[in-house]
Amino acid sequence: MDKKIANSELEIYVHDKERGLLRSLNFAERLHWSLGSGKACDAVPWLDRISPLVNENDIIFDIGANVGVICNWFAHRCKIVHAFEPHPDNIDTINTQIKLRNMQNITLHPCAIGKENITMKLHVKGFHGHHSLGDVDNSPTINQIDVKVKRLDDIVSELEIKHINFLKIDVEGYEEDVLLGAKNLLDNKQIDYVLFELQETILHSINRNPRQVLQPLFDAGYEIIDLSGNLMAVDNIENISNGDYLACINGKETANKLASSAFELL
C-alpha cells in the first residue's frame, strides 16, 4: 500500500466534515489508523474541548504548525492565524492546504520560535510531526538542517499585534524556549490561552523536565488546567502526568467553558 500511495498521481486525504479537518495521508499505516480510530488526526479530542474558546474575531498563533491541519481548523473559526513552521516539506504541505481550501486568513512564517533570535539545527525525524530543535527521543533522526529561530516578543512587535487570543505550541520538547521568548507577552497578560503538550520522555531525552515548561507560566501569573478541567497545583509539578494542558488567566472559568468530545484524551 505504501508503494501504491507513493507511486500514485493522486493525493489521498481524510476529511472530517463535522470539524472541517482535512489531512493528507502519505502512509498506509496512517490510513489504517484513521479508518480504525475515526479521527482525522491525533488532535481531535482536544480540538473538540477547546472549540468554545475560539471566536471569530480572534488572533491565533500556531507554533509548530506541522502540515497545517490545525491552523486550518483555527482559520475556519477566527479572524487570522499566524502559523510558524521551519521544515521545508511541511511548509509545502501547508501551502498546498491553504491553496486547496482557498484560505485567505492564514499567514505562514517559515521559521521556528525560541528564546533568542538565532540560527539552529532542526533535527529532522522520520515522521513529519517529530522534527525538533533538539535530538529528542521520539523517532530516529535522519537529517539536520539550519533554520531561523525568532522570539515571539519580537515577532508581535514587528507585526504590531497587541494581543494573542490563543497560542498553540507543539514543538517536541522546546516548549520552554517558546515561553521564555514570549516573556513580555506573558507578564503583561497579552495572551489569553496557551495550549501545550507535556511528554516527560521527550523532555528527559534532552535533559529537560516538566517544571521548566510550567514555571514560566506560573511565574507570569497564569493558572494551568488539563483538558478535563482539573486545576494543576504549582507545588505538585513533579506529579503532573503526560498530556495536553491549557494555561489561562482564570482556570475555573476556563474549565467551565470547555466542551465535551466523543473521543477520550490521549
Protein backbone atom coordinates (compact mmCIF):
# COMPACT_ATOMS: atom_id res chain seq x y z
CA MET A 1 0.00 0.00 0.00
CA ASP A 2 2.86 2.42 0.80
CA LYS A 3 4.29 1.86 -2.68
CA LYS A 4 0.89 2.39 -4.31
CA ILE A 5 0.40 5.65 -2.41
CA ALA A 6 3.92 6.85 -3.22
CA ASN A 7 3.61 6.00 -6.93
CA SER A 8 0.09 7.34 -7.40
CA GLU A 9 -0.54 10.68 -9.09
CA LEU A 10 -3.49 11.16 -6.74
CA GLU A 11 -3.27 12.80 -3.32
CA ILE A 12 -5.18 10.99 -0.58
CA TYR A 13 -6.91 12.94 2.18
CA VAL A 14 -9.07 12.08 5.14
CA HIS A 15 -11.90 14.60 5.55
CA ASP A 16 -13.68 15.19 8.84
CA LYS A 17 -16.71 17.12 7.61
CA GLU A 18 -18.06 17.76 11.12
CA ARG A 19 -14.90 19.55 12.26
CA GLY A 20 -13.70 20.83 8.91
CA LEU A 21 -10.44 18.85 9.12
CA LEU A 22 -8.53 17.78 6.03
CA ARG A 23 -5.38 15.72 6.39
CA SER A 24 -3.15 14.31 3.69
CA LEU A 25 -2.30 10.62 4.03
CA ASN A 26 1.16 9.58 2.86
CA PHE A 27 1.47 6.21 4.57
CA ALA A 28 -0.73 3.12 4.67
CA GLU A 29 -0.28 2.94 8.44
CA ARG A 30 -1.82 6.40 8.85
CA LEU A 31 -4.71 5.48 6.55
CA HIS A 32 -5.36 2.36 8.62
CA TRP A 33 -5.19 4.40 11.85
CA SER A 34 -7.70 6.98 10.59
CA LEU A 35 -10.14 4.32 9.43
CA GLY A 36 -9.83 2.44 12.71
CA SER A 37 -9.95 5.41 15.10
CA GLY A 38 -12.50 7.53 13.24
CA LYS A 39 -10.21 10.56 13.66
CA ALA A 40 -8.59 12.72 11.02
CA CYS A 41 -5.69 13.50 13.38
CA ASP A 42 -4.46 12.96 16.94
CA ALA A 43 -5.63 16.43 17.97
CA VAL A 44 -9.37 15.76 17.58
CA PRO A 45 -10.03 15.11 21.32
CA TRP A 46 -8.53 18.46 22.40
CA LEU A 47 -9.87 20.37 19.41
CA ASP A 48 -13.39 19.40 20.46
CA ARG A 49 -12.78 20.55 24.02
CA ILE A 50 -11.23 23.94 23.24
CA SER A 51 -13.65 24.90 20.45
CA PRO A 52 -15.74 27.23 22.71
CA LEU A 53 -12.58 29.25 23.48
CA VAL A 54 -12.05 30.27 19.84
CA ASN A 55 -14.09 33.18 18.47
CA GLU A 56 -14.50 34.77 15.05
CA ASN A 57 -12.54 37.94 15.85
CA ASP A 58 -9.60 36.13 17.48
CA ILE A 59 -5.92 36.27 16.52
CA ILE A 60 -4.39 32.80 16.81
CA PHE A 61 -0.72 31.82 16.82
CA ASP A 62 0.10 28.22 15.86
CA ILE A 63 3.70 27.42 16.87
CA GLY A 64 4.86 24.20 15.24
CA ALA A 65 2.18 24.08 12.55
CA ASN A 66 3.44 20.77 11.14
CA VAL A 67 1.39 20.03 7.97
CA GLY A 68 -1.28 22.66 8.57
CA VAL A 69 -4.26 20.61 9.73
CA ILE A 70 -4.69 22.55 12.97
CA CYS A 71 -4.02 26.04 11.61
CA ASN A 72 -6.74 25.43 9.01
CA TRP A 73 -9.12 24.33 11.78
CA PHE A 74 -8.40 27.58 13.63
CA ALA A 75 -8.70 29.63 10.42
CA HIS A 76 -12.29 28.48 9.87
CA ARG A 77 -13.21 29.84 13.30
CA CYS A 78 -11.20 33.03 13.80
CA LYS A 79 -10.08 36.26 12.17
CA ILE A 80 -6.44 35.39 11.42
CA VAL A 81 -3.91 32.64 12.10
CA HIS A 82 -0.17 33.19 12.21
CA ALA A 83 1.38 29.77 11.62
CA PHE A 84 5.06 29.01 12.30
CA GLU A 85 6.81 26.00 10.78
CA PRO A 86 10.54 25.64 9.92
CA HIS A 87 10.66 22.41 7.89
CA PRO A 88 10.53 22.95 4.09
CA ASP A 89 8.43 19.84 3.31
CA ASN A 90 5.88 20.73 5.98
CA ILE A 91 5.77 24.30 4.66
CA ASP A 92 4.98 22.96 1.17
CA THR A 93 2.17 20.83 2.58
CA ILE A 94 0.71 23.78 4.49
CA ASN A 95 0.78 25.91 1.35
CA THR A 96 -0.96 23.11 -0.56
CA GLN A 97 -3.72 23.01 2.06
CA ILE A 98 -4.11 26.78 2.01
CA LYS A 99 -4.47 26.74 -1.76
CA LEU A 100 -6.73 23.68 -1.82
CA ARG A 101 -9.07 25.14 0.79
CA ASN A 102 -8.78 28.71 -0.51
CA MET A 103 -7.89 30.07 2.93
CA GLN A 104 -7.27 33.81 2.99
CA ASN A 105 -6.62 34.33 6.70
CA ILE A 106 -3.51 32.19 7.33
CA THR A 107 -0.11 33.89 7.37
CA LEU A 108 2.69 31.32 7.21
CA HIS A 109 6.05 32.17 8.79
CA PRO A 110 8.88 29.79 7.71
CA CYS A 111 10.80 29.78 10.99
CA ALA A 112 10.97 28.22 14.43
CA ILE A 113 10.12 30.05 17.66
CA GLY A 114 12.51 30.11 20.60
CA LYS A 115 14.13 32.14 23.37
CA GLU A 116 16.52 34.11 21.14
CA ASN A 117 16.93 35.24 17.54
CA ILE A 118 19.44 32.78 16.15
CA THR A 119 20.08 30.03 13.60
CA MET A 120 19.81 26.50 14.99
CA LYS A 121 19.90 22.92 13.77
CA LEU A 122 16.50 21.34 13.24
CA HIS A 123 16.68 17.60 13.86
CA VAL A 124 14.69 16.06 11.03
CA LYS A 125 12.89 12.90 12.11
CA GLY A 126 11.39 10.02 10.19
CA PHE A 127 7.88 11.31 10.94
CA HIS A 128 6.96 14.87 9.92
CA GLY A 129 5.38 15.63 13.30
CA HIS A 130 8.52 14.79 15.29
CA HIS A 131 11.02 17.37 13.99
CA SER A 132 12.64 19.27 16.86
CA LEU A 133 15.40 21.73 17.68
CA GLY A 134 16.76 19.03 19.97
CA ASP A 135 17.63 15.40 19.24
CA VAL A 136 14.59 14.17 21.14
CA ASP A 137 13.70 10.53 21.68
CA ASN A 138 10.52 10.31 19.61
CA SER A 139 11.78 8.77 16.35
CA PRO A 140 15.16 8.36 14.62
CA THR A 141 16.95 11.47 13.35
CA ILE A 142 17.54 11.20 9.59
CA ASN A 143 18.97 14.65 8.88
CA GLN A 144 19.78 18.09 10.30
CA ILE A 145 19.08 21.42 8.62
CA ASP A 146 19.72 25.03 9.59
CA VAL A 147 16.57 27.02 10.45
CA LYS A 148 15.91 30.55 11.65
CA VAL A 149 14.65 30.90 15.21
CA LYS A 150 12.82 34.02 16.39
CA ARG A 151 11.44 35.30 19.69
CA LEU A 152 7.67 35.64 19.91
CA ASP A 153 8.01 39.00 21.70
CA ASP A 154 9.93 40.37 18.71
CA ILE A 155 7.55 38.93 16.15
CA VAL A 156 4.42 40.52 17.66
CA SER A 157 6.29 43.81 17.83
CA GLU A 158 7.17 43.55 14.13
CA LEU A 159 3.58 42.64 13.27
CA GLU A 160 2.22 45.39 15.57
CA ILE A 161 -0.01 42.89 17.35
CA LYS A 162 -1.03 43.84 20.87
CA HIS A 163 -2.91 40.72 21.91
CA ILE A 164 -2.96 37.00 21.10
CA ASN A 165 -6.23 35.28 21.92
CA PHE A 166 -4.95 31.72 21.60
CA LEU A 167 -1.39 30.36 21.43
CA LYS A 168 -0.92 26.72 20.46
CA ILE A 169 2.55 25.23 20.98
CA ASP A 170 3.68 21.88 19.57
CA VAL A 171 7.47 21.89 19.37
CA GLU A 172 8.60 18.48 20.63
CA GLY A 173 10.39 19.36 23.87
CA TYR A 174 11.22 23.02 23.22
CA GLU A 175 8.10 24.49 24.84
CA GLU A 176 10.17 26.25 27.50
CA ASP A 177 12.15 28.15 24.85
CA VAL A 178 8.96 29.39 23.18
CA LEU A 179 7.64 30.64 26.53
CA LEU A 180 10.91 32.32 27.52
CA GLY A 181 10.85 34.17 24.20
CA ALA A 182 7.32 35.36 24.99
CA LYS A 183 8.11 36.67 28.49
CA ASN A 184 6.81 40.20 27.88
CA LEU A 185 3.59 38.89 26.37
CA LEU A 186 3.02 36.56 29.30
CA ASP A 187 3.98 39.04 32.01
CA ASN A 188 1.55 41.59 30.57
CA LYS A 189 -1.22 39.00 30.13
CA GLN A 190 -1.33 39.67 26.39
CA ILE A 191 -2.13 36.03 25.70
CA ASP A 192 -5.50 34.64 26.79
CA TYR A 193 -4.84 30.93 26.39
CA VAL A 194 -1.70 28.82 25.87
CA LEU A 195 -2.16 25.23 24.77
CA PHE A 196 0.87 22.95 25.08
CA GLU A 197 1.85 19.32 25.49
CA LEU A 198 3.92 17.65 28.19
CA GLN A 199 5.75 14.42 27.32
CA GLU A 200 8.21 13.55 30.07
CA THR A 201 10.16 11.00 27.99
CA ILE A 202 10.79 13.56 25.24
CA LEU A 203 11.82 16.22 27.75
CA HIS A 204 14.18 13.90 29.62
CA SER A 205 15.85 12.85 26.36
CA ILE A 206 17.19 16.42 26.04
CA ASN A 207 17.85 16.84 29.78
CA ARG A 208 14.69 18.83 30.48
CA ASN A 209 11.71 18.32 32.77
CA PRO A 210 8.06 19.42 33.07
CA ARG A 211 8.86 22.05 35.71
CA GLN A 212 10.92 24.00 33.17
CA VAL A 213 7.89 24.17 30.88
CA LEU A 214 5.35 25.09 33.54
CA GLN A 215 7.39 27.52 35.62
CA PRO A 216 7.40 30.47 33.15
CA LEU A 217 3.60 30.27 33.04
CA PHE A 218 3.19 30.09 36.80
CA ASP A 219 5.75 32.91 37.23
CA ALA A 220 3.68 35.11 34.90
CA GLY A 221 0.58 34.52 36.99
CA TYR A 222 -1.24 32.02 34.78
CA GLU A 223 -3.25 29.08 36.05
CA ILE A 224 -2.94 25.71 34.31
CA ILE A 225 -5.68 23.15 33.76
CA ASP A 226 -5.82 19.86 31.95
CA LEU A 227 -8.42 19.44 29.23
CA SER A 228 -10.77 17.70 31.62
CA GLY A 229 -10.87 20.96 33.57
CA ASN A 230 -8.69 19.94 36.53
CA LEU A 231 -6.52 22.68 38.04
CA MET A 232 -2.78 21.96 38.30
CA ALA A 233 -1.11 22.92 41.58
CA VAL A 234 2.18 24.85 41.43
CA ASP A 235 3.56 22.78 44.33
CA ASN A 236 2.76 19.48 42.62
CA ILE A 237 4.53 19.90 39.28
CA GLU A 238 6.59 16.72 39.63
CA ASN A 239 3.40 14.62 39.68
CA ILE A 240 1.79 16.10 36.57
CA SER A 241 1.23 13.35 34.01
CA ASN A 242 1.80 13.41 30.25
CA GLY A 243 -0.87 15.12 28.20
CA ASP A 244 -2.20 18.39 26.82
CA TYR A 245 -2.58 21.41 29.10
CA LEU A 246 -4.07 24.87 28.93
CA ALA A 247 -2.64 27.96 30.61
CA CYS A 248 -5.19 30.71 31.23
CA ILE A 249 -5.93 33.70 33.44
CA ASN A 250 -8.79 32.04 35.32
CA GLY A 251 -8.67 28.25 35.49
CA LYS A 252 -12.13 27.67 36.95
CA GLU A 253 -13.84 29.99 34.48
CA THR A 254 -12.00 28.40 31.53
CA ALA A 255 -12.77 24.87 32.73
CA ASN A 256 -16.48 25.69 32.68
CA LYS A 257 -16.22 26.74 29.03
CA LEU A 258 -14.61 23.51 27.80
CA ALA A 259 -16.79 21.34 25.59
CA SER A 260 -17.11 17.58 25.60
CA SER A 261 -15.88 15.14 22.97
CA ALA A 262 -16.82 11.70 21.75
CA PHE A 263 -13.11 10.87 21.91
CA GLU A 264 -11.02 10.29 25.01
CA LEU A 265 -7.94 12.42 25.60
CA LEU A 266 -4.70 10.69 24.63
